[in-house]
PDB file of N, CA and C in Angstrom:
ATOM      1  N   MET A   1     -15.999  63.990 -52.256  1.00  0.00           N
ATOM      2  CA  MET A   1     -15.514  64.601 -51.063  1.00  0.00           C
ATOM      3  C   MET A   1     -16.614  65.488 -50.485  1.00  0.00           C
ATOM      4  N   LYS A   2     -16.768  65.433 -49.164  1.00  0.00           N
ATOM      5  CA  LYS A   2     -17.762  66.233 -48.464  1.00  0.00           C
ATOM      6  C   LYS A   2     -17.125  67.222 -47.528  1.00  0.00           C
ATOM      7  N   ILE A   3     -17.296  68.477 -47.726  1.00  0.00           N
ATOM      8  CA  ILE A   3     -16.672  69.516 -46.979  1.00  0.00           C
ATOM      9  C   ILE A   3     -17.740  70.314 -46.222  1.00  0.00           C
ATOM     10  N   LEU A   4     -17.404  70.619 -44.945  1.00  0.00           N
ATOM     11  CA  LEU A   4     -18.282  71.496 -44.163  1.00  0.00           C
ATOM     12  C   LEU A   4     -17.582  72.841 -44.008  1.00  0.00           C
ATOM     13  N   CYS A   5     -18.205  73.914 -44.417  1.00  0.00           N
ATOM     14  CA  CYS A   5     -17.730  75.268 -44.226  1.00  0.00           C
ATOM     15  C   CYS A   5     -18.541  75.837 -43.093  1.00  0.00           C
ATOM     16  N   ILE A   6     -17.819  76.287 -42.055  1.00  0.00           N
ATOM     17  CA  ILE A   6     -18.463  76.773 -40.843  1.00  0.00           C
ATOM     18  C   ILE A   6     -18.278  78.244 -40.663  1.00  0.00           C
ATOM     19  N   ASN A   7     -19.370  78.937 -40.595  1.00  0.00           N
ATOM     20  CA  ASN A   7     -19.334  80.365 -40.164  1.00  0.00           C
ATOM     21  C   ASN A   7     -19.485  80.369 -38.630  1.00  0.00           C
ATOM     22  N   PRO A   8     -18.441  80.714 -37.868  1.00  0.00           N
ATOM     23  CA  PRO A   8     -18.504  80.556 -36.406  1.00  0.00           C
ATOM     24  C   PRO A   8     -19.264  81.646 -35.723  1.00  0.00           C
ATOM     25  N   ASN A   9     -19.993  82.504 -36.487  1.00  0.00           N
ATOM     26  CA  ASN A   9     -20.888  83.411 -35.796  1.00  0.00           C
ATOM     27  C   ASN A   9     -22.330  83.071 -36.184  1.00  0.00           C
ATOM     28  N   SER A  10     -23.299  83.815 -35.758  1.00  0.00           N
ATOM     29  CA  SER A  10     -24.692  83.486 -35.936  1.00  0.00           C
ATOM     30  C   SER A  10     -25.389  84.234 -37.057  1.00  0.00           C
ATOM     31  N   SER A  11     -24.656  85.023 -37.831  1.00  0.00           N
ATOM     32  CA  SER A  11     -25.212  85.870 -38.897  1.00  0.00           C
ATOM     33  C   SER A  11     -25.709  84.983 -40.068  1.00  0.00           C
ATOM     34  N   GLN A  12     -27.005  84.911 -40.242  1.00  0.00           N
ATOM     35  CA  GLN A  12     -27.511  84.130 -41.353  1.00  0.00           C
ATOM     36  C   GLN A  12     -27.187  84.801 -42.710  1.00  0.00           C
ATOM     37  N   GLU A  13     -27.137  86.133 -42.703  1.00  0.00           N
ATOM     38  CA  GLU A  13     -26.812  86.893 -43.917  1.00  0.00           C
ATOM     39  C   GLU A  13     -25.380  86.572 -44.316  1.00  0.00           C
ATOM     40  N   VAL A  14     -24.462  86.583 -43.393  1.00  0.00           N
ATOM     41  CA  VAL A  14     -23.058  86.226 -43.714  1.00  0.00           C
ATOM     42  C   VAL A  14     -22.994  84.820 -44.160  1.00  0.00           C
ATOM     43  N   THR A  15     -23.713  83.919 -43.498  1.00  0.00           N
ATOM     44  CA  THR A  15     -23.638  82.486 -43.889  1.00  0.00           C
ATOM     45  C   THR A  15     -24.133  82.258 -45.298  1.00  0.00           C
ATOM     46  N   GLU A  16     -25.187  82.981 -45.703  1.00  0.00           N
ATOM     47  CA  GLU A  16     -25.702  82.884 -47.074  1.00  0.00           C
ATOM     48  C   GLU A  16     -24.668  83.364 -48.112  1.00  0.00           C
ATOM     49  N   GLY A  17     -23.954  84.413 -47.760  1.00  0.00           N
ATOM     50  CA  GLY A  17     -22.876  84.932 -48.588  1.00  0.00           C
ATOM     51  C   GLY A  17     -21.762  83.928 -48.772  1.00  0.00           C
ATOM     52  N   ILE A  18     -21.404  83.265 -47.661  1.00  0.00           N
ATOM     53  CA  ILE A  18     -20.341  82.266 -47.676  1.00  0.00           C
ATOM     54  C   ILE A  18     -20.803  81.109 -48.515  1.00  0.00           C
ATOM     55  N   GLU A  19     -22.012  80.683 -48.373  1.00  0.00           N
ATOM     56  CA  GLU A  19     -22.525  79.543 -49.186  1.00  0.00           C
ATOM     57  C   GLU A  19     -22.496  79.869 -50.667  1.00  0.00           C
ATOM     58  N   LYS A  20     -22.834  81.074 -51.059  1.00  0.00           N
ATOM     59  CA  LYS A  20     -22.904  81.493 -52.430  1.00  0.00           C
ATOM     60  C   LYS A  20     -21.475  81.347 -53.012  1.00  0.00           C
ATOM     61  N   ILE A  21     -20.490  81.818 -52.273  1.00  0.00           N
ATOM     62  CA  ILE A  21     -19.118  81.742 -52.740  1.00  0.00           C
ATOM     63  C   ILE A  21     -18.588  80.268 -52.834  1.00  0.00           C
ATOM     64  N   CYS A  22     -18.937  79.502 -51.799  1.00  0.00           N
ATOM     65  CA  CYS A  22     -18.559  78.063 -51.847  1.00  0.00           C
ATOM     66  C   CYS A  22     -19.104  77.318 -53.036  1.00  0.00           C
ATOM     67  N   ARG A  23     -20.345  77.577 -53.329  1.00  0.00           N
ATOM     68  CA  ARG A  23     -20.993  76.925 -54.476  1.00  0.00           C
ATOM     69  C   ARG A  23     -20.320  77.333 -55.791  1.00  0.00           C
ATOM     70  N   LYS A  24     -19.962  78.615 -55.845  1.00  0.00           N
ATOM     71  CA  LYS A  24     -19.402  79.189 -57.098  1.00  0.00           C
ATOM     72  C   LYS A  24     -18.028  78.567 -57.401  1.00  0.00           C
ATOM     73  N   TYR A  25     -17.205  78.366 -56.357  1.00  0.00           N
ATOM     74  CA  TYR A  25     -15.871  77.947 -56.522  1.00  0.00           C
ATOM     75  C   TYR A  25     -15.520  76.516 -56.221  1.00  0.00           C
ATOM     76  N   SER A  26     -16.492  75.702 -55.732  1.00  0.00           N
ATOM     77  CA  SER A  26     -16.242  74.307 -55.476  1.00  0.00           C
ATOM     78  C   SER A  26     -16.224  73.471 -56.713  1.00  0.00           C
ATOM     79  N   LEU A  27     -15.467  72.389 -56.601  1.00  0.00           N
ATOM     80  CA  LEU A  27     -15.407  71.438 -57.815  1.00  0.00           C
ATOM     81  C   LEU A  27     -16.759  70.714 -57.907  1.00  0.00           C
ATOM     82  N   SER A  28     -17.068  70.288 -59.090  1.00  0.00           N
ATOM     83  CA  SER A  28     -18.357  69.670 -59.290  1.00  0.00           C
ATOM     84  C   SER A  28     -18.584  68.354 -58.523  1.00  0.00           C
ATOM     85  N   ASP A  29     -17.489  67.659 -58.200  1.00  0.00           N
ATOM     86  CA  ASP A  29     -17.620  66.408 -57.456  1.00  0.00           C
ATOM     87  C   ASP A  29     -17.435  66.565 -55.933  1.00  0.00           C
ATOM     88  N   THR A  30     -17.476  67.825 -55.509  1.00  0.00           N
ATOM     89  CA  THR A  30     -17.319  68.156 -54.076  1.00  0.00           C
ATOM     90  C   THR A  30     -18.636  68.572 -53.499  1.00  0.00           C
ATOM     91  N   GLU A  31     -19.041  67.913 -52.448  1.00  0.00           N
ATOM     92  CA  GLU A  31     -20.315  68.275 -51.774  1.00  0.00           C
ATOM     93  C   GLU A  31     -19.943  69.293 -50.678  1.00  0.00           C
ATOM     94  N   ILE A  32     -20.565  70.446 -50.765  1.00  0.00           N
ATOM     95  CA  ILE A  32     -20.276  71.546 -49.749  1.00  0.00           C
ATOM     96  C   ILE A  32     -21.566  71.787 -48.948  1.00  0.00           C
ATOM     97  N   GLU A  33     -21.355  71.791 -47.619  1.00  0.00           N
ATOM     98  CA  GLU A  33     -22.409  72.177 -46.758  1.00  0.00           C
ATOM     99  C   GLU A  33     -21.903  73.395 -45.917  1.00  0.00           C
ATOM    100  N   VAL A  34     -22.765  74.346 -45.688  1.00  0.00           N
ATOM    101  CA  VAL A  34     -22.367  75.588 -44.949  1.00  0.00           C
ATOM    102  C   VAL A  34     -23.288  75.736 -43.780  1.00  0.00           C
ATOM    103  N   LYS A  35     -22.677  75.898 -42.579  1.00  0.00           N
ATOM    104  CA  LYS A  35     -23.466  76.004 -41.343  1.00  0.00           C
ATOM    105  C   LYS A  35     -22.899  77.206 -40.553  1.00  0.00           C
ATOM    106  N   CYS A  36     -23.773  77.780 -39.767  1.00  0.00           N
ATOM    107  CA  CYS A  36     -23.343  78.789 -38.789  1.00  0.00           C
ATOM    108  C   CYS A  36     -23.571  78.259 -37.418  1.00  0.00           C
ATOM    109  N   ILE A  37     -23.011  78.977 -36.421  1.00  0.00           N
ATOM    110  CA  ILE A  37     -23.249  78.588 -35.030  1.00  0.00           C
ATOM    111  C   ILE A  37     -24.309  79.517 -34.471  1.00  0.00           C
ATOM    112  N   LYS A  38     -25.562  79.042 -34.393  1.00  0.00           N
ATOM    113  CA  LYS A  38     -26.683  79.908 -34.085  1.00  0.00           C
ATOM    114  C   LYS A  38     -26.594  80.434 -32.685  1.00  0.00           C
ATOM    115  N   GLU A  39     -25.920  79.804 -31.761  1.00  0.00           N
ATOM    116  CA  GLU A  39     -25.806  80.298 -30.382  1.00  0.00           C
ATOM    117  C   GLU A  39     -24.713  81.328 -30.236  1.00  0.00           C
ATOM    118  N   ALA A  40     -23.860  81.477 -31.259  1.00  0.00           N
ATOM    119  CA  ALA A  40     -22.740  82.419 -31.138  1.00  0.00           C
ATOM    120  C   ALA A  40     -23.159  83.861 -31.338  1.00  0.00           C
ATOM    121  N   PRO A  41     -22.293  84.815 -31.040  1.00  0.00           N
ATOM    122  CA  PRO A  41     -22.593  86.202 -31.336  1.00  0.00           C
ATOM    123  C   PRO A  41     -22.823  86.432 -32.800  1.00  0.00           C
ATOM    124  N   PRO A  42     -23.510  87.497 -33.206  1.00  0.00           N
ATOM    125  CA  PRO A  42     -23.760  87.772 -34.582  1.00  0.00           C
ATOM    126  C   PRO A  42     -22.506  88.140 -35.419  1.00  0.00           C
ATOM    127  N   GLY A  43     -21.461  88.501 -34.738  1.00  0.00           N
ATOM    128  CA  GLY A  43     -20.178  88.823 -35.323  1.00  0.00           C
ATOM    129  C   GLY A  43     -19.062  88.533 -34.343  1.00  0.00           C
ATOM    130  N   ILE A  44     -17.846  88.305 -34.856  1.00  0.00           N
ATOM    131  CA  ILE A  44     -16.723  88.078 -33.963  1.00  0.00           C
ATOM    132  C   ILE A  44     -15.872  89.311 -34.058  1.00  0.00           C
ATOM    133  N   GLU A  45     -16.024  90.201 -33.023  1.00  0.00           N
ATOM    134  CA  GLU A  45     -15.374  91.493 -33.035  1.00  0.00           C
ATOM    135  C   GLU A  45     -14.502  91.690 -31.827  1.00  0.00           C
ATOM    136  N   SER A  46     -14.325  90.635 -31.037  1.00  0.00           N
ATOM    137  CA  SER A  46     -13.501  90.804 -29.777  1.00  0.00           C
ATOM    138  C   SER A  46     -13.018  89.376 -29.353  1.00  0.00           C
ATOM    139  N   TYR A  47     -12.055  89.385 -28.431  1.00  0.00           N
ATOM    140  CA  TYR A  47     -11.621  88.084 -27.849  1.00  0.00           C
ATOM    141  C   TYR A  47     -12.780  87.391 -27.174  1.00  0.00           C
ATOM    142  N   HIS A  48     -13.591  88.165 -26.521  1.00  0.00           N
ATOM    143  CA  HIS A  48     -14.771  87.570 -25.826  1.00  0.00           C
ATOM    144  C   HIS A  48     -15.697  86.849 -26.856  1.00  0.00           C
ATOM    145  N   ASP A  49     -16.031  87.539 -27.946  1.00  0.00           N
ATOM    146  CA  ASP A  49     -16.830  86.931 -28.997  1.00  0.00           C
ATOM    147  C   ASP A  49     -16.195  85.664 -29.480  1.00  0.00           C
ATOM    148  N   ALA A  50     -14.883  85.714 -29.699  1.00  0.00           N
ATOM    149  CA  ALA A  50     -14.190  84.551 -30.227  1.00  0.00           C
ATOM    150  C   ALA A  50     -14.276  83.374 -29.210  1.00  0.00           C
ATOM    151  N   ALA A  51     -14.067  83.698 -27.924  1.00  0.00           N
ATOM    152  CA  ALA A  51     -14.133  82.634 -26.892  1.00  0.00           C
ATOM    153  C   ALA A  51     -15.523  82.020 -26.858  1.00  0.00           C
ATOM    154  N   VAL A  52     -16.517  82.828 -26.908  1.00  0.00           N
ATOM    155  CA  VAL A  52     -17.924  82.273 -26.893  1.00  0.00           C
ATOM    156  C   VAL A  52     -18.147  81.399 -28.113  1.00  0.00           C
ATOM    157  N   SER A  53     -17.734  81.900 -29.266  1.00  0.00           N
ATOM    158  CA  SER A  53     -17.919  81.134 -30.477  1.00  0.00           C
ATOM    159  C   SER A  53     -17.213  79.854 -30.464  1.00  0.00           C
ATOM    160  N   VAL A  54     -15.977  79.824 -29.989  1.00  0.00           N
ATOM    161  CA  VAL A  54     -15.261  78.612 -29.897  1.00  0.00           C
ATOM    162  C   VAL A  54     -15.918  77.530 -28.997  1.00  0.00           C
ATOM    163  N   GLN A  55     -16.449  78.004 -27.942  1.00  0.00           N
ATOM    164  CA  GLN A  55     -17.155  77.056 -27.019  1.00  0.00           C
ATOM    165  C   GLN A  55     -18.286  76.309 -27.757  1.00  0.00           C
ATOM    166  N   TYR A  56     -19.125  77.094 -28.484  1.00  0.00           N
ATOM    167  CA  TYR A  56     -20.216  76.447 -29.228  1.00  0.00           C
ATOM    168  C   TYR A  56     -19.746  75.676 -30.477  1.00  0.00           C
ATOM    169  N   LEU A  57     -18.645  76.129 -31.042  1.00  0.00           N
ATOM    170  CA  LEU A  57     -18.045  75.458 -32.219  1.00  0.00           C
ATOM    171  C   LEU A  57     -17.567  74.076 -31.778  1.00  0.00           C
ATOM    172  N   LEU A  58     -16.877  74.048 -30.698  1.00  0.00           N
ATOM    173  CA  LEU A  58     -16.404  72.734 -30.186  1.00  0.00           C
ATOM    174  C   LEU A  58     -17.556  71.786 -29.932  1.00  0.00           C
ATOM    175  N   ASP A  59     -18.619  72.223 -29.281  1.00  0.00           N
ATOM    176  CA  ASP A  59     -19.780  71.360 -29.045  1.00  0.00           C
ATOM    177  C   ASP A  59     -20.334  70.809 -30.364  1.00  0.00           C
ATOM    178  N   LYS A  60     -20.486  71.678 -31.340  1.00  0.00           N
ATOM    179  CA  LYS A  60     -21.021  71.258 -32.635  1.00  0.00           C
ATOM    180  C   LYS A  60     -20.094  70.310 -33.362  1.00  0.00           C
ATOM    181  N   PHE A  61     -18.801  70.629 -33.338  1.00  0.00           N
ATOM    182  CA  PHE A  61     -17.821  69.884 -34.058  1.00  0.00           C
ATOM    183  C   PHE A  61     -17.762  68.472 -33.647  1.00  0.00           C
ATOM    184  N   GLU A  62     -17.977  68.200 -32.365  1.00  0.00           N
ATOM    185  CA  GLU A  62     -18.008  66.796 -31.872  1.00  0.00           C
ATOM    186  C   GLU A  62     -19.027  65.973 -32.658  1.00  0.00           C
ATOM    187  N   LYS A  63     -20.119  66.573 -33.027  1.00  0.00           N
ATOM    188  CA  LYS A  63     -21.165  65.869 -33.818  1.00  0.00           C
ATOM    189  C   LYS A  63     -20.827  65.850 -35.297  1.00  0.00           C
ATOM    190  N   TRP A  64     -20.137  66.800 -35.794  1.00  0.00           N
ATOM    191  CA  TRP A  64     -19.823  66.939 -37.216  1.00  0.00           C
ATOM    192  C   TRP A  64     -18.577  66.194 -37.672  1.00  0.00           C
ATOM    193  N   LYS A  65     -17.626  66.008 -36.840  1.00  0.00           N
ATOM    194  CA  LYS A  65     -16.302  65.596 -37.252  1.00  0.00           C
ATOM    195  C   LYS A  65     -16.248  64.253 -38.027  1.00  0.00           C
ATOM    196  N   GLU A  66     -17.172  63.377 -37.771  1.00  0.00           N
ATOM    197  CA  GLU A  66     -17.182  62.113 -38.481  1.00  0.00           C
ATOM    198  C   GLU A  66     -18.018  62.137 -39.787  1.00  0.00           C
ATOM    199  N   GLN A  67     -18.784  63.208 -39.989  1.00  0.00           N
ATOM    200  CA  GLN A  67     -19.697  63.316 -41.137  1.00  0.00           C
ATOM    201  C   GLN A  67     -19.069  63.947 -42.385  1.00  0.00           C
ATOM    202  N   TYR A  68     -17.890  64.543 -42.204  1.00  0.00           N
ATOM    203  CA  TYR A  68     -17.282  65.277 -43.360  1.00  0.00           C
ATOM    204  C   TYR A  68     -15.841  64.883 -43.571  1.00  0.00           C
ATOM    205  N   ASP A  69     -15.335  65.130 -44.754  1.00  0.00           N
ATOM    206  CA  ASP A  69     -13.965  64.786 -45.055  1.00  0.00           C
ATOM    207  C   ASP A  69     -12.992  65.915 -44.772  1.00  0.00           C
ATOM    208  N   GLY A  70     -13.485  67.109 -44.606  1.00  0.00           N
ATOM    209  CA  GLY A  70     -12.654  68.276 -44.265  1.00  0.00           C
ATOM    210  C   GLY A  70     -13.495  69.431 -43.876  1.00  0.00           C
ATOM    211  N   PHE A  71     -12.845  70.471 -43.344  1.00  0.00           N
ATOM    212  CA  PHE A  71     -13.570  71.596 -42.752  1.00  0.00           C
ATOM    213  C   PHE A  71     -12.929  72.894 -43.124  1.00  0.00           C
ATOM    214  N   ILE A  72     -13.733  73.941 -43.327  1.00  0.00           N
ATOM    215  CA  ILE A  72     -13.264  75.246 -43.545  1.00  0.00           C
ATOM    216  C   ILE A  72     -13.881  76.162 -42.458  1.00  0.00           C
ATOM    217  N   ILE A  73     -13.046  76.894 -41.798  1.00  0.00           N
ATOM    218  CA  ILE A  73     -13.548  77.886 -40.822  1.00  0.00           C
ATOM    219  C   ILE A  73     -13.577  79.247 -41.523  1.00  0.00           C
ATOM    220  N   ALA A  74     -14.808  79.774 -41.825  1.00  0.00           N
ATOM    221  CA  ALA A  74     -14.933  80.995 -42.622  1.00  0.00           C
ATOM    222  C   ALA A  74     -14.995  82.234 -41.715  1.00  0.00           C
ATOM    223  N   CYS A  75     -13.856  82.513 -41.106  1.00  0.00           N
ATOM    224  CA  CYS A  75     -13.698  83.706 -40.229  1.00  0.00           C
ATOM    225  C   CYS A  75     -12.272  84.104 -40.343  1.00  0.00           C
ATOM    226  N   HIS A  76     -12.020  85.373 -40.674  1.00  0.00           N
ATOM    227  CA  HIS A  76     -10.641  85.879 -40.906  1.00  0.00           C
ATOM    228  C   HIS A  76      -9.754  85.601 -39.750  1.00  0.00           C
ATOM    229  N   SER A  77     -10.260  85.617 -38.475  1.00  0.00           N
ATOM    230  CA  SER A  77      -9.423  85.406 -37.347  1.00  0.00           C
ATOM    231  C   SER A  77      -9.235  83.909 -37.035  1.00  0.00           C
ATOM    232  N   ASP A  78      -9.695  83.063 -37.908  1.00  0.00           N
ATOM    233  CA  ASP A  78      -9.481  81.573 -37.761  1.00  0.00           C
ATOM    234  C   ASP A  78      -9.884  81.044 -36.384  1.00  0.00           C
ATOM    235  N   VAL A  79     -11.048  81.503 -35.953  1.00  0.00           N
ATOM    236  CA  VAL A  79     -11.550  81.065 -34.692  1.00  0.00           C
ATOM    237  C   VAL A  79     -11.654  79.559 -34.564  1.00  0.00           C
ATOM    238  N   GLY A  80     -10.899  78.980 -33.659  1.00  0.00           N
ATOM    239  CA  GLY A  80     -10.969  77.532 -33.293  1.00  0.00           C
ATOM    240  C   GLY A  80     -10.206  76.642 -34.266  1.00  0.00           C
ATOM    241  N   VAL A  81      -9.513  77.155 -35.242  1.00  0.00           N
ATOM    242  CA  VAL A  81      -8.836  76.296 -36.224  1.00  0.00           C
ATOM    243  C   VAL A  81      -7.815  75.398 -35.501  1.00  0.00           C
ATOM    244  N   ASP A  82      -6.911  75.940 -34.695  1.00  0.00           N
ATOM    245  CA  ASP A  82      -5.941  75.078 -34.038  1.00  0.00           C
ATOM    246  C   ASP A  82      -6.602  74.043 -33.135  1.00  0.00           C
ATOM    247  N   LEU A  83      -7.608  74.410 -32.447  1.00  0.00           N
ATOM    248  CA  LEU A  83      -8.340  73.456 -31.541  1.00  0.00           C
ATOM    249  C   LEU A  83      -8.880  72.320 -32.399  1.00  0.00           C
ATOM    250  N   LEU A  84      -9.583  72.646 -33.497  1.00  0.00           N
ATOM    251  CA  LEU A  84     -10.169  71.548 -34.316  1.00  0.00           C
ATOM    252  C   LEU A  84      -9.121  70.680 -34.928  1.00  0.00           C
ATOM    253  N   ARG A  85      -7.971  71.279 -35.315  1.00  0.00           N
ATOM    254  CA  ARG A  85      -6.906  70.500 -35.857  1.00  0.00           C
ATOM    255  C   ARG A  85      -6.335  69.509 -34.803  1.00  0.00           C
ATOM    256  N   GLU A  86      -6.396  69.926 -33.571  1.00  0.00           N
ATOM    257  CA  GLU A  86      -5.915  69.039 -32.470  1.00  0.00           C
ATOM    258  C   GLU A  86      -6.775  67.853 -32.276  1.00  0.00           C
ATOM    259  N   ILE A  87      -8.101  68.007 -32.520  1.00  0.00           N
ATOM    260  CA  ILE A  87      -9.000  66.867 -32.171  1.00  0.00           C
ATOM    261  C   ILE A  87      -9.483  66.123 -33.392  1.00  0.00           C
ATOM    262  N   SER A  88      -8.963  66.465 -34.567  1.00  0.00           N
ATOM    263  CA  SER A  88      -9.390  65.801 -35.775  1.00  0.00           C
ATOM    264  C   SER A  88      -8.165  65.452 -36.642  1.00  0.00           C
ATOM    265  N   THR A  89      -8.214  64.314 -37.285  1.00  0.00           N
ATOM    266  CA  THR A  89      -7.152  63.965 -38.260  1.00  0.00           C
ATOM    267  C   THR A  89      -7.465  64.486 -39.674  1.00  0.00           C
ATOM    268  N   LYS A  90      -8.638  65.033 -39.808  1.00  0.00           N
ATOM    269  CA  LYS A  90      -9.055  65.561 -41.100  1.00  0.00           C
ATOM    270  C   LYS A  90      -8.621  67.011 -41.310  1.00  0.00           C
ATOM    271  N   PRO A  91      -8.494  67.449 -42.537  1.00  0.00           N
ATOM    272  CA  PRO A  91      -8.038  68.810 -42.794  1.00  0.00           C
ATOM    273  C   PRO A  91      -8.978  69.855 -42.197  1.00  0.00           C
ATOM    274  N   VAL A  92      -8.446  70.809 -41.599  1.00  0.00           N
ATOM    275  CA  VAL A  92      -9.148  72.019 -41.057  1.00  0.00           C
ATOM    276  C   VAL A  92      -8.419  73.240 -41.613  1.00  0.00           C
ATOM    277  N   ILE A  93      -9.158  74.014 -42.428  1.00  0.00           N
ATOM    278  CA  ILE A  93      -8.522  75.189 -43.056  1.00  0.00           C
ATOM    279  C   ILE A  93      -9.188  76.488 -42.566  1.00  0.00           C
ATOM    280  N   GLY A  94      -8.467  77.408 -42.171  1.00  0.00           N
ATOM    281  CA  GLY A  94      -8.985  78.735 -41.751  1.00  0.00           C
ATOM    282  C   GLY A  94      -8.764  79.668 -42.962  1.00  0.00           C
ATOM    283  N   ILE A  95      -9.831  80.475 -43.246  1.00  0.00           N
ATOM    284  CA  ILE A  95      -9.713  81.363 -44.404  1.00  0.00           C
ATOM    285  C   ILE A  95      -8.655  82.470 -44.157  1.00  0.00           C
ATOM    286  N   GLY A  96      -8.442  82.837 -42.924  1.00  0.00           N
ATOM    287  CA  GLY A  96      -7.457  83.828 -42.644  1.00  0.00           C
ATOM    288  C   GLY A  96      -6.082  83.344 -42.974  1.00  0.00           C
ATOM    289  N   GLU A  97      -5.690  82.171 -42.440  1.00  0.00           N
ATOM    290  CA  GLU A  97      -4.397  81.605 -42.713  1.00  0.00           C
ATOM    291  C   GLU A  97      -4.210  81.281 -44.186  1.00  0.00           C
ATOM    292  N   ALA A  98      -5.261  80.740 -44.824  1.00  0.00           N
ATOM    293  CA  ALA A  98      -5.166  80.446 -46.258  1.00  0.00           C
ATOM    294  C   ALA A  98      -4.923  81.629 -47.108  1.00  0.00           C
ATOM    295  N   SER A  99      -5.601  82.719 -46.754  1.00  0.00           N
ATOM    296  CA  SER A  99      -5.403  83.968 -47.565  1.00  0.00           C
ATOM    297  C   SER A  99      -3.984  84.559 -47.366  1.00  0.00           C
ATOM    298  N   MET A 100      -3.426  84.330 -46.179  1.00  0.00           N
ATOM    299  CA  MET A 100      -2.096  84.915 -45.916  1.00  0.00           C
ATOM    300  C   MET A 100      -1.027  84.042 -46.584  1.00  0.00           C
ATOM    301  N   LEU A 101      -1.300  82.791 -46.759  1.00  0.00           N
ATOM    302  CA  LEU A 101      -0.322  81.878 -47.344  1.00  0.00           C
ATOM    303  C   LEU A 101      -0.349  81.911 -48.936  1.00  0.00           C
ATOM    304  N   LEU A 102      -1.448  82.442 -49.468  1.00  0.00           N
ATOM    305  CA  LEU A 102      -1.601  82.524 -50.900  1.00  0.00           C
ATOM    306  C   LEU A 102      -0.637  83.485 -51.426  1.00  0.00           C
ATOM    307  N   VAL A 103       0.126  83.052 -52.407  1.00  0.00           N
ATOM    308  CA  VAL A 103       1.112  83.979 -52.984  1.00  0.00           C
ATOM    309  C   VAL A 103       0.774  84.271 -54.445  1.00  0.00           C
TER     310      VAL A 103
END
């Protein structure tokens, strides 16, 4: 299985932290790739930041959606999760929603 974990902001430091966690907890037979949106704001701290990030995320996702078996959006506000679910038949998981559903 090949999973893309997307940091929807442009912070390389945050992306590296996400990648470290993904590598630590992924199954041995799961290929994980972690990418950020370099054109996006360095953090998502407002509705405006989220809207800008979603615009770039959508552009990138069109190229990525056939290359992976599933997607993780690594942003607590789940930026773009519903949109990506609408345009893909593959699983799209937001870490915000996942953390809230964990019991």
